[in-house]
Structures are given as C-alpha cells and as structure tokens.
N, C-alpha and C. Protein backbone atom coordinates (compact mmCIF):
# COMPACT_ATOMS: atom_id res chain seq x y z
N MET A 1 -11.01 4.02 -27.69
CA MET A 1 -12.02 5.20 -27.70
C MET A 1 -13.33 4.51 -26.65
N MET A 2 -14.06 5.51 -26.23
CA MET A 2 -15.22 5.22 -25.56
C MET A 2 -16.42 5.05 -26.48
N GLY A 3 -16.97 5.09 -27.20
CA GLY A 3 -17.67 5.20 -28.05
C GLY A 3 -18.98 6.02 -27.78
N ALA A 4 -18.70 7.18 -27.05
CA ALA A 4 -19.80 7.94 -26.86
C ALA A 4 -20.22 8.84 -27.88
N ARG A 5 -21.57 9.09 -28.05
CA ARG A 5 -22.17 9.73 -29.24
C ARG A 5 -21.86 11.36 -28.93
N ALA A 6 -21.33 11.46 -28.17
CA ALA A 6 -21.67 12.73 -27.49
C ALA A 6 -20.87 13.32 -25.94
N LEU A 7 -19.97 14.30 -26.01
CA LEU A 7 -19.51 14.29 -24.66
C LEU A 7 -19.99 15.49 -23.68
N GLU A 8 -20.88 14.91 -22.48
CA GLU A 8 -21.38 16.09 -21.96
C GLU A 8 -20.21 16.62 -20.68
N GLY A 9 -20.84 17.44 -20.30
CA GLY A 9 -20.04 18.34 -18.95
C GLY A 9 -19.93 19.73 -19.04
N GLU A 10 -19.07 19.90 -18.25
CA GLU A 10 -18.87 21.72 -18.13
C GLU A 10 -17.98 21.97 -19.35
N GLU A 11 -19.26 23.32 -20.29
CA GLU A 11 -18.51 23.14 -21.54
C GLU A 11 -17.18 24.04 -21.55
N GLU A 12 -16.97 24.86 -20.47
CA GLU A 12 -15.84 25.74 -20.39
C GLU A 12 -14.62 25.06 -20.14
N PHE A 13 -14.94 23.43 -19.48
CA PHE A 13 -13.47 22.89 -19.37
C PHE A 13 -13.39 21.49 -20.73
N MET A 14 -12.10 21.94 -20.87
CA MET A 14 -11.33 20.88 -21.99
C MET A 14 -12.05 19.39 -21.87
N ALA A 15 -12.17 18.60 -23.09
CA ALA A 15 -12.58 17.54 -22.85
C ALA A 15 -12.02 16.35 -21.94
N LEU A 16 -10.39 16.50 -22.10
CA LEU A 16 -9.67 15.73 -21.19
C LEU A 16 -9.68 16.24 -19.75
N ALA A 17 -9.95 17.27 -19.14
CA ALA A 17 -10.25 17.59 -18.04
C ALA A 17 -11.88 17.18 -17.48
N ARG A 18 -12.77 17.06 -18.36
CA ARG A 18 -13.85 17.00 -18.28
C ARG A 18 -13.84 14.97 -18.13
N VAL A 19 -13.37 14.49 -18.76
CA VAL A 19 -13.07 13.22 -18.62
C VAL A 19 -12.35 12.65 -17.18
N GLY A 20 -11.19 13.43 -17.08
CA GLY A 20 -10.41 12.78 -16.09
C GLY A 20 -10.15 13.46 -15.01
N SER A 21 -10.74 14.93 -14.87
CA SER A 21 -10.40 15.53 -13.03
C SER A 21 -11.55 16.41 -12.80
N ARG A 22 -12.67 16.79 -13.35
CA ARG A 22 -13.65 17.17 -12.79
C ARG A 22 -14.44 16.35 -11.90
N PRO A 23 -15.55 16.89 -11.28
CA PRO A 23 -16.61 16.01 -10.50
C PRO A 23 -17.44 15.41 -11.41
N THR A 24 -18.07 14.21 -10.97
CA THR A 24 -18.73 13.38 -11.68
C THR A 24 -19.96 12.57 -10.82
N LEU A 25 -20.90 12.35 -11.29
CA LEU A 25 -21.82 11.39 -11.10
C LEU A 25 -22.29 10.66 -12.21
N ASP A 26 -21.68 9.14 -11.99
CA ASP A 26 -22.19 8.09 -12.72
C ASP A 26 -22.83 7.14 -12.21
N ALA A 27 -24.09 6.71 -13.19
CA ALA A 27 -24.96 5.80 -13.11
C ALA A 27 -24.53 4.46 -13.85
N ASN A 28 -23.78 3.59 -12.96
CA ASN A 28 -22.99 2.33 -13.43
C ASN A 28 -23.65 0.94 -13.36
N GLY A 29 -25.21 0.81 -12.74
CA GLY A 29 -25.71 -0.02 -12.65
C GLY A 29 -27.40 0.14 -12.52
N PHE A 30 -28.01 -0.57 -13.00
CA PHE A 30 -29.67 -0.79 -12.65
C PHE A 30 -30.08 -1.94 -12.81
N ILE A 31 -30.76 -2.57 -11.47
CA ILE A 31 -31.53 -3.91 -11.80
C ILE A 31 -33.28 -3.18 -11.36
N GLY A 32 -33.93 -4.21 -11.84
CA GLY A 32 -35.51 -3.88 -11.29
C GLY A 32 -36.46 -4.41 -12.41
N GLY A 33 -37.41 -5.33 -11.91
CA GLY A 33 -38.30 -5.29 -13.07
C GLY A 33 -38.07 -6.69 -13.86
N PHE A 34 -38.49 -6.64 -14.97
CA PHE A 34 -38.22 -7.93 -15.81
C PHE A 34 -37.08 -7.66 -16.88
N THR A 35 -36.18 -8.08 -16.80
CA THR A 35 -34.87 -7.74 -17.39
C THR A 35 -34.79 -8.65 -18.52
N GLY A 36 -35.13 -9.73 -18.76
CA GLY A 36 -35.29 -10.62 -19.98
C GLY A 36 -35.71 -10.27 -20.95
N LYS A 37 -35.36 -11.16 -22.41
CA LYS A 37 -35.66 -10.32 -23.57
C LYS A 37 -37.09 -10.42 -23.74
N GLY A 38 -37.61 -9.59 -24.42
CA GLY A 38 -38.98 -9.58 -24.99
C GLY A 38 -39.78 -8.22 -23.95
N ALA A 39 -40.81 -7.95 -24.36
CA ALA A 39 -41.49 -6.95 -23.58
C ALA A 39 -42.35 -7.14 -22.61
N LYS A 40 -42.52 -6.59 -21.55
CA LYS A 40 -43.02 -7.09 -20.22
C LYS A 40 -43.51 -5.70 -19.94
N THR A 41 -44.65 -5.41 -19.09
CA THR A 41 -45.15 -4.29 -18.33
C THR A 41 -44.97 -4.40 -16.87
N VAL A 42 -44.36 -5.23 -16.49
CA VAL A 42 -44.12 -5.24 -15.12
C VAL A 42 -43.37 -4.09 -14.11
N ILE A 43 -44.18 -3.72 -13.39
CA ILE A 43 -43.71 -2.58 -12.60
C ILE A 43 -43.16 -3.28 -11.10
N PRO A 44 -41.73 -3.31 -11.32
CA PRO A 44 -41.22 -3.79 -10.05
C PRO A 44 -41.68 -3.35 -8.42
N ALA A 45 -41.25 -4.55 -7.93
CA ALA A 45 -41.47 -4.04 -6.48
C ALA A 45 -40.40 -3.51 -5.61
N THR A 46 -38.81 -3.92 -6.09
CA THR A 46 -37.89 -3.12 -5.89
C THR A 46 -37.19 -2.91 -7.13
N ALA A 47 -36.53 -1.55 -6.77
CA ALA A 47 -35.21 -1.79 -8.06
C ALA A 47 -33.87 -1.33 -7.17
N THR A 48 -33.00 -1.43 -7.91
CA THR A 48 -31.56 -1.01 -7.55
C THR A 48 -30.97 -0.09 -8.46
N ALA A 49 -30.29 1.17 -8.09
CA ALA A 49 -29.21 1.64 -8.85
C ALA A 49 -28.30 2.12 -8.43
N LYS A 50 -27.06 1.67 -8.90
CA LYS A 50 -25.58 1.97 -8.15
C LYS A 50 -24.99 2.69 -8.83
N VAL A 51 -24.56 4.27 -8.08
CA VAL A 51 -23.83 5.37 -8.89
C VAL A 51 -22.54 5.44 -8.27
N SER A 52 -21.77 5.90 -8.77
CA SER A 52 -20.32 6.78 -8.41
C SER A 52 -20.14 7.48 -8.39
N MET A 53 -19.14 8.81 -7.90
CA MET A 53 -18.85 10.08 -7.82
C MET A 53 -17.28 10.60 -8.00
N ARG A 54 -16.87 11.31 -8.85
CA ARG A 54 -15.58 11.91 -8.31
C ARG A 54 -15.66 12.98 -8.06
N LEU A 55 -14.99 13.09 -6.74
CA LEU A 55 -15.06 14.16 -6.01
C LEU A 55 -13.44 15.22 -6.26
N VAL A 56 -13.78 16.18 -6.22
CA VAL A 56 -12.38 17.02 -6.25
C VAL A 56 -11.92 17.58 -5.32
N PRO A 57 -10.71 18.08 -4.57
CA PRO A 57 -10.18 18.69 -3.82
C PRO A 57 -11.35 19.92 -3.23
N ASP A 58 -11.45 20.13 -2.03
CA ASP A 58 -12.34 20.70 -1.26
C ASP A 58 -14.01 20.56 -1.43
N GLN A 59 -14.23 19.32 -1.96
CA GLN A 59 -15.45 18.92 -1.61
C GLN A 59 -15.31 17.65 -0.84
N ASP A 60 -16.48 17.50 0.22
CA ASP A 60 -16.47 16.71 1.64
C ASP A 60 -17.75 15.77 0.79
N TRP A 61 -17.41 14.58 0.92
CA TRP A 61 -18.37 13.21 0.40
C TRP A 61 -19.41 13.19 0.78
N LYS A 62 -19.29 13.69 2.75
CA LYS A 62 -20.59 13.38 3.53
C LYS A 62 -21.55 14.72 3.18
N VAL A 63 -20.92 15.77 2.63
CA VAL A 63 -21.78 16.72 2.11
C VAL A 63 -22.29 16.29 0.73
N ILE A 64 -21.62 16.00 0.03
CA ILE A 64 -22.24 15.36 -1.67
C ILE A 64 -23.27 14.28 -1.30
N LEU A 65 -22.79 13.50 -0.19
CA LEU A 65 -24.09 12.25 -0.04
C LEU A 65 -24.97 12.76 0.55
N ALA A 66 -25.08 13.68 1.57
CA ALA A 66 -26.51 14.55 1.81
C ALA A 66 -27.54 15.13 0.69
N SER A 67 -26.70 15.73 -0.15
CA SER A 67 -27.16 16.64 -1.39
C SER A 67 -27.88 15.82 -2.36
N PHE A 68 -26.94 14.69 -2.44
CA PHE A 68 -27.54 13.44 -3.30
C PHE A 68 -28.80 12.80 -2.79
N ALA A 69 -28.57 12.57 -1.62
CA ALA A 69 -29.83 11.87 -0.87
C ALA A 69 -31.15 12.52 -0.85
N LYS A 70 -30.81 13.98 -0.53
CA LYS A 70 -31.96 15.11 -0.48
C LYS A 70 -32.46 15.03 -2.00
N HIS A 71 -31.92 15.36 -3.23
CA HIS A 71 -32.08 15.38 -4.25
C HIS A 71 -33.12 14.10 -4.77
N VAL A 72 -32.72 13.19 -4.87
CA VAL A 72 -32.58 11.82 -4.88
C VAL A 72 -34.52 11.65 -4.39
N LYS A 73 -34.36 11.99 -3.10
CA LYS A 73 -35.91 11.76 -2.25
C LYS A 73 -36.80 13.12 -3.39
N LYS A 74 -36.50 14.14 -3.22
CA LYS A 74 -37.22 15.20 -3.96
C LYS A 74 -37.98 14.55 -5.06
N LEU A 75 -37.01 13.97 -6.12
CA LEU A 75 -37.39 13.18 -7.19
C LEU A 75 -38.33 11.81 -7.31
N THR A 76 -38.29 11.58 -5.97
CA THR A 76 -39.36 10.36 -5.70
C THR A 76 -40.40 10.51 -6.01
N THR A 77 -41.32 9.50 -6.58
CA THR A 77 -42.48 9.29 -6.54
C THR A 77 -43.54 9.08 -5.23
N PRO A 78 -44.71 9.84 -5.02
CA PRO A 78 -44.67 9.51 -3.65
C PRO A 78 -45.40 8.30 -3.51
N GLY A 79 -45.02 7.52 -2.47
CA GLY A 79 -45.44 5.85 -1.85
C GLY A 79 -44.02 5.47 -1.87
N VAL A 80 -43.13 5.48 -2.77
CA VAL A 80 -41.95 5.19 -3.25
C VAL A 80 -41.02 5.39 -1.98
N GLU A 81 -40.27 4.22 -1.33
CA GLU A 81 -39.18 4.51 -0.10
C GLU A 81 -38.24 4.37 -1.07
N ILE A 82 -37.26 5.30 -0.59
CA ILE A 82 -35.92 5.43 -1.29
C ILE A 82 -34.84 5.19 -0.21
N LYS A 83 -33.53 4.63 -0.13
CA LYS A 83 -32.55 4.36 0.61
C LYS A 83 -31.41 4.38 -0.06
N VAL A 84 -30.45 5.40 0.47
CA VAL A 84 -29.17 5.67 -0.55
C VAL A 84 -28.36 5.29 0.76
N GLU A 85 -27.41 4.01 0.10
CA GLU A 85 -26.30 3.23 1.26
C GLU A 85 -24.90 3.49 0.59
N VAL A 86 -24.21 3.58 1.47
CA VAL A 86 -22.60 4.00 0.86
C VAL A 86 -21.99 2.56 1.05
N LEU A 87 -21.64 2.32 -0.32
CA LEU A 87 -20.61 0.90 -0.38
C LEU A 87 -19.45 0.99 -0.39
N GLY A 88 -18.70 2.14 -0.43
CA GLY A 88 -17.32 2.79 0.04
C GLY A 88 -16.87 4.57 -0.40
N SER A 89 -16.18 4.93 0.34
CA SER A 89 -16.31 6.48 0.31
C SER A 89 -14.39 6.68 0.29
N ALA A 90 -14.14 7.75 0.12
CA ALA A 90 -13.04 8.20 0.14
C ALA A 90 -12.76 9.61 0.03
N PRO A 91 -12.07 10.65 0.48
CA PRO A 91 -12.19 11.95 0.02
C PRO A 91 -10.93 12.14 -0.90
N PRO A 92 -11.10 13.18 -1.74
CA PRO A 92 -10.33 13.44 -3.12
C PRO A 92 -8.95 13.92 -2.22
N VAL A 93 -8.06 13.48 -3.40
CA VAL A 93 -6.79 13.99 -2.92
C VAL A 93 -6.21 14.85 -4.35
N THR A 94 -5.07 15.07 -4.19
CA THR A 94 -4.31 15.58 -5.55
C THR A 94 -2.51 15.37 -5.16
N CYS A 95 -2.30 15.34 -6.49
CA CYS A 95 -0.53 15.23 -6.07
C CYS A 95 0.18 16.28 -6.83
N PRO A 96 0.55 17.02 -5.77
CA PRO A 96 1.28 18.11 -6.70
C PRO A 96 2.67 17.78 -7.39
N VAL A 97 2.87 18.54 -8.34
CA VAL A 97 3.86 18.05 -9.31
C VAL A 97 5.41 18.92 -8.99
N ASP A 98 5.08 19.90 -8.03
CA ASP A 98 5.86 20.95 -8.00
C ASP A 98 6.94 20.67 -6.74
N ASN A 99 7.24 19.46 -6.36
CA ASN A 99 8.27 19.14 -5.27
C ASN A 99 9.14 18.03 -5.91
N GLN A 100 10.15 17.77 -5.29
CA GLN A 100 11.75 17.24 -5.62
C GLN A 100 11.17 16.01 -5.79
N ALA A 101 10.10 14.84 -5.12
CA ALA A 101 10.07 13.65 -5.61
C ALA A 101 9.21 13.48 -6.72
N ALA A 102 8.38 14.40 -7.22
CA ALA A 102 7.72 14.71 -8.44
C ALA A 102 8.60 14.90 -9.50
N GLN A 103 9.87 15.88 -9.50
CA GLN A 103 10.80 16.01 -10.37
C GLN A 103 11.76 14.76 -10.38
N VAL A 104 11.96 14.19 -9.59
CA VAL A 104 12.77 12.93 -9.59
C VAL A 104 11.75 11.99 -10.51
N LEU A 105 10.54 11.84 -10.48
CA LEU A 105 9.85 10.83 -11.49
C LEU A 105 9.78 11.19 -12.57
N ARG A 106 9.60 12.38 -12.65
CA ARG A 106 9.62 13.03 -14.16
C ARG A 106 11.08 12.88 -14.84
N ALA A 107 12.23 12.59 -14.34
CA ALA A 107 13.39 12.38 -14.82
C ALA A 107 13.48 11.02 -14.95
N ALA A 108 12.98 10.48 -14.00
CA ALA A 108 12.62 8.83 -14.25
C ALA A 108 11.96 8.37 -15.68
N TYR A 109 11.11 8.72 -15.48
CA TYR A 109 10.09 8.61 -16.90
C TYR A 109 11.08 9.26 -18.20
N GLN A 110 11.88 10.21 -18.00
CA GLN A 110 12.45 11.00 -19.02
C GLN A 110 13.27 9.72 -19.37
N GLN A 111 13.75 9.27 -18.93
CA GLN A 111 15.33 8.33 -18.79
C GLN A 111 14.95 7.08 -19.45
N ALA A 112 13.67 6.46 -18.62
CA ALA A 112 13.10 5.15 -19.25
C ALA A 112 12.52 5.36 -20.67
N PHE A 113 11.50 6.51 -20.64
CA PHE A 113 10.72 6.37 -22.09
C PHE A 113 11.43 7.14 -23.29
N GLY A 114 12.60 8.00 -22.98
CA GLY A 114 13.28 8.95 -23.91
C GLY A 114 12.22 10.02 -24.29
N LYS A 115 11.35 10.48 -23.48
CA LYS A 115 10.30 11.58 -23.63
C LYS A 115 9.86 12.16 -22.70
N GLU A 116 9.80 13.47 -22.71
CA GLU A 116 9.37 14.11 -21.65
C GLU A 116 7.69 13.86 -21.13
N THR A 117 7.60 13.83 -19.99
CA THR A 117 6.23 13.57 -19.42
C THR A 117 5.29 14.28 -19.54
N ALA A 118 4.08 14.14 -19.79
CA ALA A 118 2.76 14.90 -19.96
C ALA A 118 2.43 14.92 -18.57
N LEU A 119 1.95 16.25 -18.05
CA LEU A 119 1.29 16.29 -16.87
C LEU A 119 -0.19 16.20 -17.01
N ILE A 120 -0.90 15.09 -16.68
CA ILE A 120 -2.34 15.26 -16.67
C ILE A 120 -3.10 14.62 -15.70
N ARG A 121 -3.79 15.66 -15.35
CA ARG A 121 -4.58 15.50 -14.13
C ARG A 121 -5.77 14.64 -14.57
N VAL A 122 -5.61 13.25 -13.70
CA VAL A 122 -6.75 12.35 -14.17
C VAL A 122 -7.51 11.89 -12.44
N GLY A 123 -8.58 11.50 -12.88
CA GLY A 123 -9.43 11.00 -11.34
C GLY A 123 -9.45 9.35 -11.37
N GLY A 124 -9.28 9.15 -10.52
CA GLY A 124 -9.08 7.62 -10.20
C GLY A 124 -9.72 7.61 -8.76
N SER A 125 -9.61 6.16 -8.27
CA SER A 125 -10.22 5.59 -6.93
C SER A 125 -8.87 4.94 -6.23
N VAL A 126 -8.21 5.35 -5.54
CA VAL A 126 -7.28 4.85 -4.66
C VAL A 126 -7.22 5.39 -2.68
N PRO A 127 -8.34 4.88 -2.59
CA PRO A 127 -8.66 5.44 -1.12
C PRO A 127 -7.83 5.35 -0.37
N VAL A 128 -6.40 4.35 -0.38
CA VAL A 128 -5.76 4.48 0.63
C VAL A 128 -4.56 5.41 0.47
N ALA A 129 -4.63 6.31 -0.54
CA ALA A 129 -4.11 7.54 -1.01
C ALA A 129 -3.47 8.19 0.04
N VAL A 130 -5.04 8.87 0.70
CA VAL A 130 -4.95 10.02 1.51
C VAL A 130 -4.20 9.77 2.78
N ASP A 131 -4.29 8.01 3.33
CA ASP A 131 -4.09 7.52 4.84
C ASP A 131 -2.31 7.58 4.28
N PHE A 132 -2.00 7.47 3.21
CA PHE A 132 -0.27 7.25 3.38
C PHE A 132 0.09 8.65 3.30
N GLN A 133 -0.88 9.80 2.44
CA GLN A 133 -0.33 11.17 2.52
C GLN A 133 -0.13 11.63 4.05
N GLU A 134 -1.12 11.31 4.98
CA GLU A 134 -1.37 11.63 5.94
C GLU A 134 -0.46 11.09 7.16
N ALA A 135 -0.36 9.82 7.00
CA ALA A 135 0.61 9.33 7.80
C ALA A 135 2.25 9.37 7.66
N LEU A 136 2.67 9.56 6.35
CA LEU A 136 3.93 9.40 6.06
C LEU A 136 4.24 11.29 6.05
N GLY A 137 3.43 12.00 5.65
CA GLY A 137 3.80 13.69 5.89
C GLY A 137 4.50 13.58 4.43
N ALA A 138 4.83 12.78 3.59
CA ALA A 138 5.63 13.13 2.40
C ALA A 138 4.59 13.17 1.25
N PRO A 139 5.13 14.03 0.23
CA PRO A 139 4.56 13.94 -0.98
C PRO A 139 4.03 12.82 -1.70
N LEU A 140 2.92 12.74 -2.40
CA LEU A 140 2.00 11.97 -2.67
C LEU A 140 2.53 11.54 -4.01
N LEU A 141 3.05 10.67 -4.95
CA LEU A 141 3.05 10.28 -6.07
C LEU A 141 2.29 9.44 -6.67
N ILE A 142 1.65 9.56 -7.67
CA ILE A 142 0.54 8.55 -8.12
C ILE A 142 0.67 8.90 -10.03
N SER A 143 1.29 7.84 -10.42
CA SER A 143 1.14 7.57 -12.11
C SER A 143 1.07 7.03 -12.67
N GLY A 144 1.13 6.57 -13.64
CA GLY A 144 0.57 5.42 -14.80
C GLY A 144 1.47 5.29 -15.87
N ILE A 145 1.69 4.22 -16.37
CA ILE A 145 1.91 3.73 -17.92
C ILE A 145 1.00 3.32 -19.22
N ALA A 146 -0.22 3.00 -18.80
CA ALA A 146 -1.03 2.52 -19.49
C ALA A 146 -1.42 3.80 -21.04
N GLN A 147 -1.56 2.80 -21.80
CA GLN A 147 -2.41 3.86 -22.83
C GLN A 147 -3.64 4.48 -22.79
N ALA A 148 -4.29 5.40 -23.69
CA ALA A 148 -5.49 5.89 -23.74
C ALA A 148 -6.70 5.01 -24.04
N ASP A 149 -5.94 4.07 -24.96
CA ASP A 149 -7.12 2.76 -25.32
C ASP A 149 -6.94 1.99 -24.46
N SER A 150 -6.53 1.62 -23.63
CA SER A 150 -6.02 0.02 -22.69
C SER A 150 -7.20 -0.35 -22.08
N ALA A 151 -8.31 0.39 -21.99
CA ALA A 151 -9.75 0.12 -21.83
C ALA A 151 -9.42 -0.51 -20.02
N ILE A 152 -8.84 0.43 -19.18
CA ILE A 152 -8.41 -0.05 -17.90
C ILE A 152 -9.86 -0.32 -16.79
N HIS A 153 -9.95 -1.55 -16.25
CA HIS A 153 -10.68 -2.30 -15.75
C HIS A 153 -12.11 -2.94 -16.52
N SER A 154 -11.59 -3.00 -17.46
CA SER A 154 -13.00 -3.47 -18.57
C SER A 154 -12.73 -5.14 -18.85
N PRO A 155 -13.70 -5.73 -19.25
CA PRO A 155 -13.33 -6.78 -19.79
C PRO A 155 -12.33 -7.19 -20.65
N ASN A 156 -11.75 -6.33 -21.44
CA ASN A 156 -10.78 -6.34 -22.43
C ASN A 156 -9.67 -5.61 -22.48
N GLU A 157 -9.45 -5.17 -20.82
CA GLU A 157 -8.26 -4.55 -20.58
C GLU A 157 -7.34 -4.90 -21.18
N HIS A 158 -6.07 -4.14 -21.71
CA HIS A 158 -4.58 -4.77 -22.24
C HIS A 158 -3.77 -4.01 -21.78
N PHE A 159 -2.42 -4.22 -21.91
CA PHE A 159 -1.21 -3.28 -21.60
C PHE A 159 -0.07 -3.88 -22.78
N VAL A 160 0.53 -2.52 -22.66
CA VAL A 160 1.53 -2.90 -24.05
C VAL A 160 2.83 -3.22 -23.09
N ILE A 161 3.44 -4.66 -23.47
CA ILE A 161 4.60 -5.29 -22.62
C ILE A 161 5.58 -4.07 -22.63
N ASP A 162 5.97 -3.69 -23.82
CA ASP A 162 7.20 -2.33 -23.69
C ASP A 162 6.90 -1.42 -22.33
N ASN A 163 5.73 -1.06 -22.39
CA ASN A 163 5.71 -0.37 -21.56
C ASN A 163 5.41 -1.07 -19.69
N TYR A 164 5.22 -2.03 -19.41
CA TYR A 164 5.74 -3.13 -18.33
C TYR A 164 7.03 -3.07 -18.38
N HIS A 165 8.01 -3.22 -19.26
CA HIS A 165 9.56 -3.17 -18.96
C HIS A 165 9.83 -1.96 -18.72
N ARG A 166 9.37 -0.74 -19.50
CA ARG A 166 9.93 0.51 -19.12
C ARG A 166 9.55 1.46 -17.77
N GLY A 167 8.10 0.62 -17.25
CA GLY A 167 7.65 0.93 -16.37
C GLY A 167 8.55 0.29 -15.04
N ILE A 168 8.95 -0.79 -14.79
CA ILE A 168 10.02 -1.08 -14.23
C ILE A 168 11.16 -0.67 -13.80
N GLU A 169 11.61 -0.23 -15.20
CA GLU A 169 13.03 0.80 -15.33
C GLU A 169 12.51 2.26 -14.52
N THR A 170 11.45 2.58 -14.59
CA THR A 170 11.20 4.00 -14.63
C THR A 170 11.15 3.69 -12.50
N VAL A 171 10.65 2.65 -11.90
CA VAL A 171 10.61 2.47 -10.74
C VAL A 171 12.03 2.69 -10.09
N ILE A 172 12.96 1.79 -10.68
CA ILE A 172 14.07 1.62 -10.39
C ILE A 172 15.01 2.78 -10.44
N ARG A 173 14.88 3.57 -11.19
CA ARG A 173 15.52 4.93 -11.34
C ARG A 173 14.93 6.39 -10.54
N LEU A 174 13.48 6.05 -10.22
CA LEU A 174 13.05 6.88 -9.34
C LEU A 174 13.45 6.31 -7.50
N ILE A 175 13.64 5.06 -7.72
CA ILE A 175 13.93 4.77 -6.38
C ILE A 175 15.74 5.49 -6.27
N CYS A 176 16.10 4.82 -7.33
CA CYS A 176 17.92 5.56 -7.26
C CYS A 176 17.77 6.86 -7.02
N GLY A 177 16.76 7.58 -7.53
CA GLY A 177 17.00 9.14 -7.78
C GLY A 177 16.46 9.84 -6.57
N LEU A 178 15.84 9.30 -6.01
CA LEU A 178 15.12 9.37 -4.47
C LEU A 178 16.29 9.71 -3.41
N ALA A 179 17.07 8.40 -3.41
CA ALA A 179 18.21 7.96 -2.83
C ALA A 179 19.07 9.08 -2.91
N GLU A 180 19.53 9.71 -4.30
CA GLU A 180 20.27 10.72 -4.62
C GLU A 180 20.00 11.72 -3.81
N ALA A 181 18.64 11.95 -3.98
CA ALA A 181 18.21 13.42 -3.47
C ALA A 181 18.05 13.54 -2.50
C-alpha cells in the first residue's frame, strides 16, 4: 500500500486507472535553502525541483513541456529566474491486447499461473519500447509478474520467488507459442 491519506486525480476515473494509466505530473524531489534539522529562515539563492510526467497516447511531450514551462514561469515571483531542463523523455505507447501475440502471451500466463490474466493498463517508463515497435513493426508486449505491494523501484522492493519461476515458465511458453503461431 502506498499510505496516501487521499487519492487525488480525475474523479470520473476509477482509482486503478488514476494510479496507473492517466496523465500525471509528479514532484519527486526538492533541494534548496537550509535542509538540516531545526528552524532557519534562510531564503535560498538557488533551488531545484525535479518532476516527472506520465503521458498517454495522443500527447506530445514537446507540447506538454512547453505548456509546463509557460505555466511555471507564469507562477514565478518577479526577479526569480526559472530554467526548465529535460533530463529524459519518451513518447507514450500502449500495447494492444487484440493481436495474436497478446493472445499467445495470455495463454502462456494461464498455463504457467493456472489463472486467466487480468488486463490492467498501467503506466511506466520504457523509453526504448517505441523504438522497438517502430523498428520491428510487430506488436509490442509489455507485461509484469510483480505483486501490487512489491514496492517497485523503492529501497524495500521485493519479489515472490514463485512468481520468478513461473515468469520463466511463462516466457518459455510464450516463445513456444509464438513459434507455433
């Protein structure tokens, strides 16, 4: 569980969609001023904020970046210089589930885990995915076997060993299934 006291976002979308597949703007780091223990009224000469955004299909990161920079500058105090710097970017991509490769993957999961797969659209950062999709002209398959509480990319990330073994079995079944298809 994430431990949030409230779930924000677009109320017309279910919580699962808001968490995993809707556009986001996340502040994930701030540096500036006095950061040690105790109170200080130091006004910093420089400060940094790191943000990340999840884009969805039909959003162009360059257009979004320009809108973000314009909005930040509009909110800026007079006399303060703002610089928006891109540390990385990738266009949004989705993986259709109505193609033969996706059906073979679902069958491989069903055989390895003994259950039907749940098709859940989630966001993530796999910048090379679009490159693969464009270069190969083949359907893109991205899937996972982690549990909802595995704290992916956090200091206490964990993974169930049984899922690791079943994941290997799934990949073997996928490769065999694609060969047969």
